[in-house]
Amino acid sequence: MIVVTGATGTVGSKVVVGLRERGREVRALVRAGSVGPAEWDTAVERVAADFADPASLDTALDGADTVYLLVAVHPEMAEHEKNVIDAAVRTGRRPRIVLHAAAGIEYRPESVRFVGAHVTGLAHLEASGLPWTVLGPNGFYQNFLGTAPTVKAGRLAVPGGAGAVSYVDARDVAAAAVEVLATEGHEGAVYTLTGPAALTHGEVAAQLAAAAGHPVAYTALAPEAALDGMLGTGWDPWRAEGMVELYGLYAAGRASAVSSDVEKLTGRPPRSFAEFATEHADAFRA
C-alpha cells in the first residue's frame, strides 16, 4: 500500500494517477468531504485526514508500506511533516518515507522558511530510523500561471534580481516521484529535480513573450515592493514574507544548479520552459 499525502495538489494528484497507471494500490489523503480530482479512478482509496490530527493520521497510515510525504506551505508545515513521520513510526511496519522537500535542502539554507521547515522535517525523519528518500524540486513552471494577468499586459514583475533559476515542470516532478515510489533502491538518496536549464527572469519573460506573441518586459521588484504587493492582494504575512525570502535566494543565484536526476529517474529529459510556455500560450496572450 502506497499512501500519498498532499494528494489533491498540483504534484500529488498526478502522483496518484501515475501510481494507479502502474497498478499500484494507492490510498490518498484528502480533506473531509473531498472526493479528489475527477481523473482518479474508483480504485483509489480516499481517506480524510488532517496533518494536525495524529489520530486521523494513524488511521490513514495503517497498513502503509510506502508514504509520499507532501505537505502544503503553512506556518506549521514542519510540525505537519513530523506528525506524519511519527504516525508512520507508530504503525510498527517501518514504511519507507519519500519526503517531498525543496532543491538545496542538503545545504540547509537558514534564510528561507519554506526550505527550513523541510530541513527540520528531514532531521526528524533521519532520527526516526525509518527508511527514507528525499525529492527536492526547484520552483515550478506552473507558478508562472499566477503571473498571467501582468504577462498579458506585457510585464513580468518579481523580486528575482538577475539570478538564474533551474525551474522545473510539476509533471516531471510527479513522474520522478512515481518512479521512486514504485521501485526499490532509493534509500538514503536525495534527488534534486530541475528543468534542463537555469533561466534568468529576463529570459523567462522573453520565452513568455515568444509564446504569447507580444512583448513582455521583466521588472526586478525590490523585496519591499514585492512584499507590499502580495500583502495588498490578500496574501497572509507569513507566506508573503516566505516568498520574498525564496526570491532572495533566487536573486543570489543559489537556485541555478541543473541536475540530471529527472532524466535518471524517468528515462527522459525534463520539459523545457519554452515547451511549457507554448503549451499554455493562451493563458499569457493579451
Protein backbone atom coordinates (compact mmCIF):
# COMPACT_ATOMS: atom_id res chain seq x y z
CA MET A 1 0.00 0.00 0.00
CA ILE A 2 1.34 3.43 -1.01
CA VAL A 3 -0.10 6.35 0.94
CA VAL A 4 0.01 9.76 -0.77
CA THR A 5 -0.33 12.89 1.36
CA GLY A 6 -0.99 16.23 -0.32
CA ALA A 7 -2.84 14.08 -2.80
CA THR A 8 -5.13 16.73 -4.29
CA GLY A 9 -2.41 19.28 -5.09
CA THR A 10 -0.53 20.11 -8.28
CA VAL A 11 2.01 17.29 -7.85
CA GLY A 12 0.19 14.90 -5.52
CA SER A 13 -2.83 14.46 -7.77
CA LYS A 14 -0.56 13.44 -10.65
CA VAL A 15 1.39 11.07 -8.41
CA VAL A 16 -1.84 9.24 -7.58
CA VAL A 17 -2.69 8.89 -11.27
CA GLY A 18 0.81 7.71 -12.15
CA LEU A 19 0.84 5.08 -9.44
CA ARG A 20 -2.56 3.77 -10.49
CA GLU A 21 -1.34 3.54 -14.10
CA ARG A 22 1.33 1.20 -12.76
CA GLY A 23 -1.30 -0.86 -11.00
CA ARG A 24 -0.22 0.15 -7.50
CA GLU A 25 -2.59 0.12 -4.54
CA VAL A 26 -2.99 3.77 -3.52
CA ARG A 27 -4.53 5.48 -0.52
CA ALA A 28 -4.92 9.23 -0.97
CA LEU A 29 -5.26 11.64 1.93
CA VAL A 30 -7.96 14.22 1.28
CA ARG A 31 -9.79 16.86 3.27
CA ALA A 32 -13.04 15.85 4.92
CA GLY A 33 -15.82 15.98 2.33
CA SER A 34 -13.47 15.90 -0.67
CA VAL A 35 -13.59 13.07 -3.24
CA GLY A 36 -10.42 14.13 -5.04
CA PRO A 37 -9.80 15.02 -8.70
CA ALA A 38 -12.01 13.60 -11.44
CA GLU A 39 -9.07 11.83 -13.12
CA TRP A 40 -8.67 9.43 -10.19
CA ASP A 41 -10.18 6.01 -10.81
CA THR A 42 -12.55 4.31 -8.40
CA ALA A 43 -9.78 2.05 -7.06
CA VAL A 44 -8.09 4.98 -5.31
CA GLU A 45 -8.89 4.72 -1.60
CA ARG A 46 -9.81 8.14 -0.25
CA VAL A 47 -9.16 8.77 3.45
CA ALA A 48 -9.94 12.04 5.21
CA ALA A 49 -7.08 13.16 7.42
CA ASP A 50 -5.68 16.32 8.98
CA PHE A 51 -1.94 16.92 9.40
CA ALA A 52 -2.65 18.46 12.80
CA ASP A 53 -4.70 15.46 13.99
CA PRO A 54 -2.45 12.50 14.92
CA ALA A 55 -5.42 10.14 15.37
CA SER A 56 -6.57 10.73 11.78
CA LEU A 57 -3.01 10.14 10.57
CA ASP A 58 -2.84 6.84 12.45
CA THR A 59 -5.92 5.69 10.53
CA ALA A 60 -4.61 6.98 7.21
CA LEU A 61 -1.22 5.27 7.53
CA ASP A 62 -2.48 1.95 8.87
CA GLY A 63 -1.02 -0.80 6.66
CA ALA A 64 1.24 1.56 4.70
CA ASP A 65 4.36 0.19 3.06
CA THR A 66 5.44 3.49 1.50
CA VAL A 67 4.41 7.08 2.21
CA TYR A 68 4.74 10.08 -0.09
CA LEU A 69 5.10 12.93 2.40
CA LEU A 70 3.99 16.18 0.78
CA VAL A 71 2.58 18.95 2.96
CA ALA A 72 1.24 22.35 1.97
CA VAL A 73 3.14 25.58 2.60
CA HIS A 74 1.88 26.56 6.05
CA PRO A 75 3.27 28.11 9.24
CA GLU A 76 3.09 24.65 10.86
CA MET A 77 4.46 22.70 7.90
CA ALA A 78 7.48 21.38 9.84
CA GLU A 79 5.16 20.11 12.57
CA HIS A 80 2.90 18.56 9.94
CA GLU A 81 5.81 16.60 8.46
CA LYS A 82 6.85 15.45 11.92
CA ASN A 83 3.29 14.33 12.70
CA VAL A 84 3.17 12.13 9.59
CA ILE A 85 6.59 10.64 10.39
CA ASP A 86 5.53 9.90 13.96
CA ALA A 87 2.34 8.23 12.70
CA ALA A 88 4.45 6.11 10.35
CA VAL A 89 6.61 5.02 13.29
CA ARG A 90 3.52 4.09 15.29
CA THR A 91 2.39 1.66 12.58
CA GLY A 92 5.27 -0.60 13.57
CA ARG A 93 5.74 -1.55 9.91
CA ARG A 94 8.73 0.73 9.15
CA PRO A 95 7.20 2.15 5.97
CA ARG A 96 9.54 3.88 3.54
CA ILE A 97 9.07 7.66 3.59
CA VAL A 98 9.60 9.67 0.39
CA LEU A 99 9.85 13.28 1.54
CA HIS A 100 8.85 15.95 -0.98
CA ALA A 101 11.09 18.82 0.09
CA ALA A 102 12.93 21.53 -1.88
CA ALA A 103 16.03 21.84 -4.01
CA GLY A 104 19.05 22.65 -1.88
CA ILE A 105 17.73 21.04 1.31
CA GLU A 106 21.03 19.22 1.77
CA TYR A 107 22.78 22.61 2.13
CA ARG A 108 20.36 23.58 4.93
CA PRO A 109 19.82 27.25 3.98
CA GLU A 110 18.76 29.27 7.01
CA SER A 111 17.25 32.27 5.25
CA VAL A 112 14.17 30.66 3.64
CA ARG A 113 11.44 29.46 6.00
CA PHE A 114 9.89 27.08 3.46
CA VAL A 115 13.16 25.19 2.99
CA GLY A 116 13.96 25.45 6.70
CA ALA A 117 10.74 23.62 7.52
CA HIS A 118 11.83 20.72 5.29
CA VAL A 119 15.26 20.71 6.92
CA THR A 120 13.54 20.24 10.29
CA GLY A 121 11.33 17.51 8.82
CA LEU A 122 14.30 15.68 7.32
CA ALA A 123 16.19 15.78 10.62
CA HIS A 124 13.16 14.24 12.33
CA LEU A 125 12.92 11.62 9.60
CA GLU A 126 16.60 10.67 9.91
CA ALA A 127 16.18 10.34 13.68
CA SER A 128 13.08 8.14 13.28
CA GLY A 129 15.03 5.17 11.95
CA LEU A 130 12.61 4.77 9.03
CA PRO A 131 13.98 4.19 5.51
CA TRP A 132 13.77 7.43 3.55
CA THR A 133 14.33 9.19 0.24
CA VAL A 134 14.19 12.93 -0.47
CA LEU A 135 12.87 14.59 -3.62
CA GLY A 136 13.99 18.21 -3.86
CA PRO A 137 12.28 20.02 -6.73
CA ASN A 138 13.11 23.58 -7.67
CA GLY A 139 10.34 26.13 -8.31
CA PHE A 140 7.58 25.00 -10.68
CA TYR A 141 6.90 26.37 -14.16
CA GLN A 142 3.22 26.20 -13.20
CA ASN A 143 3.73 29.00 -10.68
CA PHE A 144 4.08 31.41 -13.60
CA LEU A 145 0.42 30.85 -14.46
CA GLY A 146 -0.24 33.07 -11.44
CA THR A 147 1.57 35.91 -13.23
CA ALA A 148 -0.66 35.62 -16.32
CA PRO A 149 -2.64 38.86 -15.68
CA THR A 150 0.50 41.00 -15.71
CA VAL A 151 2.15 39.00 -18.50
CA LYS A 152 -0.93 39.65 -20.64
CA ALA A 153 -0.26 43.34 -20.06
CA GLY A 154 3.37 42.90 -21.13
CA ARG A 155 5.10 42.75 -17.77
CA LEU A 156 6.68 40.08 -15.56
CA ALA A 157 7.33 41.64 -12.16
CA VAL A 158 9.02 39.53 -9.45
CA PRO A 159 11.85 40.21 -6.98
CA GLY A 160 14.23 37.81 -8.72
CA GLY A 161 17.08 40.21 -9.44
CA ALA A 162 19.47 38.90 -12.10
CA GLY A 163 19.77 35.39 -10.68
CA ALA A 164 19.06 32.34 -12.81
CA VAL A 165 16.76 29.55 -11.60
CA SER A 166 16.50 25.97 -12.87
CA TYR A 167 12.70 25.87 -12.67
CA VAL A 168 11.03 22.50 -13.34
CA ASP A 169 7.67 21.29 -14.65
CA ALA A 170 5.46 19.87 -11.88
CA ARG A 171 4.56 16.96 -14.17
CA ASP A 172 8.20 15.91 -14.32
CA VAL A 173 8.38 16.09 -10.53
CA ALA A 174 5.33 13.83 -10.29
CA ALA A 175 6.80 11.36 -12.80
CA ALA A 176 10.05 11.20 -10.81
CA ALA A 177 8.09 10.68 -7.60
CA VAL A 178 6.11 7.82 -9.13
CA GLU A 179 9.34 6.09 -10.16
CA VAL A 180 10.81 6.39 -6.67
CA LEU A 181 7.60 5.24 -5.00
CA ALA A 182 7.07 2.30 -7.32
CA THR A 183 10.62 0.90 -7.32
CA GLU A 184 13.27 -0.07 -4.80
CA GLY A 185 16.87 1.02 -4.38
CA HIS A 186 16.42 4.67 -3.40
CA GLU A 187 17.04 4.52 0.35
CA GLY A 188 19.09 7.44 1.65
CA ALA A 189 19.11 9.20 -1.74
CA VAL A 190 18.48 12.93 -2.20
CA TYR A 191 17.27 13.67 -5.74
CA THR A 192 17.32 17.27 -6.97
CA LEU A 193 14.65 17.84 -9.61
CA THR A 194 15.21 20.70 -12.06
CA GLY A 195 14.46 21.68 -15.60
CA PRO A 196 17.09 21.34 -18.35
CA ALA A 197 18.46 24.88 -17.95
CA ALA A 198 18.74 27.74 -15.49
CA LEU A 199 16.99 30.89 -16.73
CA THR A 200 17.11 34.46 -15.50
CA HIS A 201 13.71 36.06 -15.15
CA GLY A 202 14.58 38.23 -18.12
CA GLU A 203 14.98 35.04 -20.15
CA VAL A 204 11.72 33.71 -18.71
CA ALA A 205 10.00 36.93 -19.85
CA ALA A 206 11.48 36.54 -23.34
CA GLN A 207 10.19 32.96 -23.63
CA LEU A 208 6.75 34.01 -22.38
CA ALA A 209 6.78 36.79 -24.99
CA ALA A 210 7.65 34.33 -27.76
CA ALA A 211 4.78 32.07 -26.76
CA ALA A 212 2.25 34.86 -26.19
CA GLY A 213 3.12 36.77 -29.35
CA HIS A 214 3.64 40.16 -27.70
CA PRO A 215 6.50 41.85 -25.80
CA VAL A 216 6.94 41.00 -22.12
CA ALA A 217 9.37 43.11 -20.09
CA TYR A 218 10.92 41.87 -16.86
CA THR A 219 10.79 44.21 -13.88
CA ALA A 220 13.03 43.22 -10.97
CA LEU A 221 10.98 44.35 -8.00
CA ALA A 222 12.62 45.42 -4.79
CA PRO A 223 11.82 42.93 -1.99
CA GLU A 224 9.89 45.58 -0.05
CA ALA A 225 7.74 46.43 -3.07
CA ALA A 226 7.07 42.76 -3.75
CA LEU A 227 6.02 42.19 -0.14
CA ASP A 228 3.71 45.21 -0.19
CA GLY A 229 2.16 43.97 -3.42
CA MET A 230 1.47 40.48 -2.06
CA LEU A 231 0.02 41.82 1.17
CA GLY A 232 -2.11 44.24 -0.82
CA THR A 233 -3.67 41.36 -2.77
CA GLY A 234 -4.59 39.44 0.37
CA TRP A 235 -1.60 37.16 0.98
CA ASP A 236 -1.12 36.22 4.61
CA PRO A 237 2.08 37.80 6.02
CA TRP A 238 3.85 34.51 6.83
CA ARG A 239 3.52 33.20 3.28
CA ALA A 240 4.27 36.55 1.65
CA GLU A 241 7.42 37.03 3.71
CA GLY A 242 8.46 33.48 2.86
CA MET A 243 8.06 34.13 -0.86
CA VAL A 244 10.27 37.21 -0.61
CA GLU A 245 12.87 35.09 1.19
CA LEU A 246 12.68 32.48 -1.56
CA TYR A 247 13.10 35.06 -4.31
CA GLY A 248 16.08 36.43 -2.38
CA LEU A 249 17.67 33.01 -2.74
CA TYR A 250 16.84 33.09 -6.46
CA ALA A 251 18.26 36.58 -6.90
CA ALA A 252 21.51 35.49 -5.26
CA GLY A 253 21.91 32.73 -7.85
CA ARG A 254 21.58 29.98 -5.26
CA ALA A 255 18.92 28.05 -7.22
CA SER A 256 20.71 27.85 -10.57
CA ALA A 257 22.23 24.37 -10.39
CA VAL A 258 20.94 21.99 -13.06
CA SER A 259 20.53 18.32 -12.16
CA SER A 260 20.15 15.23 -14.34
CA ASP A 261 18.02 13.46 -11.72
CA VAL A 262 14.70 13.83 -13.60
CA GLU A 263 16.16 12.02 -16.60
CA LYS A 264 17.94 9.50 -14.37
CA LEU A 265 14.64 8.57 -12.72
CA THR A 266 12.18 8.85 -15.61
CA GLY A 267 14.34 7.90 -18.58
CA ARG A 268 13.58 11.12 -20.47
CA PRO A 269 14.81 14.72 -20.33
CA PRO A 270 12.74 17.22 -18.35
CA ARG A 271 10.44 19.57 -20.24
CA SER A 272 11.88 22.97 -21.12
CA PHE A 273 10.27 26.24 -20.06
CA ALA A 274 9.74 27.11 -23.71
CA GLU A 275 7.66 23.93 -24.12
CA PHE A 276 5.60 24.85 -21.07
CA ALA A 277 5.07 28.44 -22.23
CA THR A 278 3.98 27.31 -25.69
CA GLU A 279 1.59 24.75 -24.23
CA HIS A 280 -0.03 27.43 -22.07
CA ALA A 281 0.25 30.31 -24.55
CA ASP A 282 -3.47 31.09 -24.37
CA ALA A 283 -3.13 31.89 -20.69
CA PHE A 284 -0.48 34.52 -21.41
CA ARG A 285 -1.88 36.15 -24.57
CA ALA A 286 -3.34 39.64 -24.31
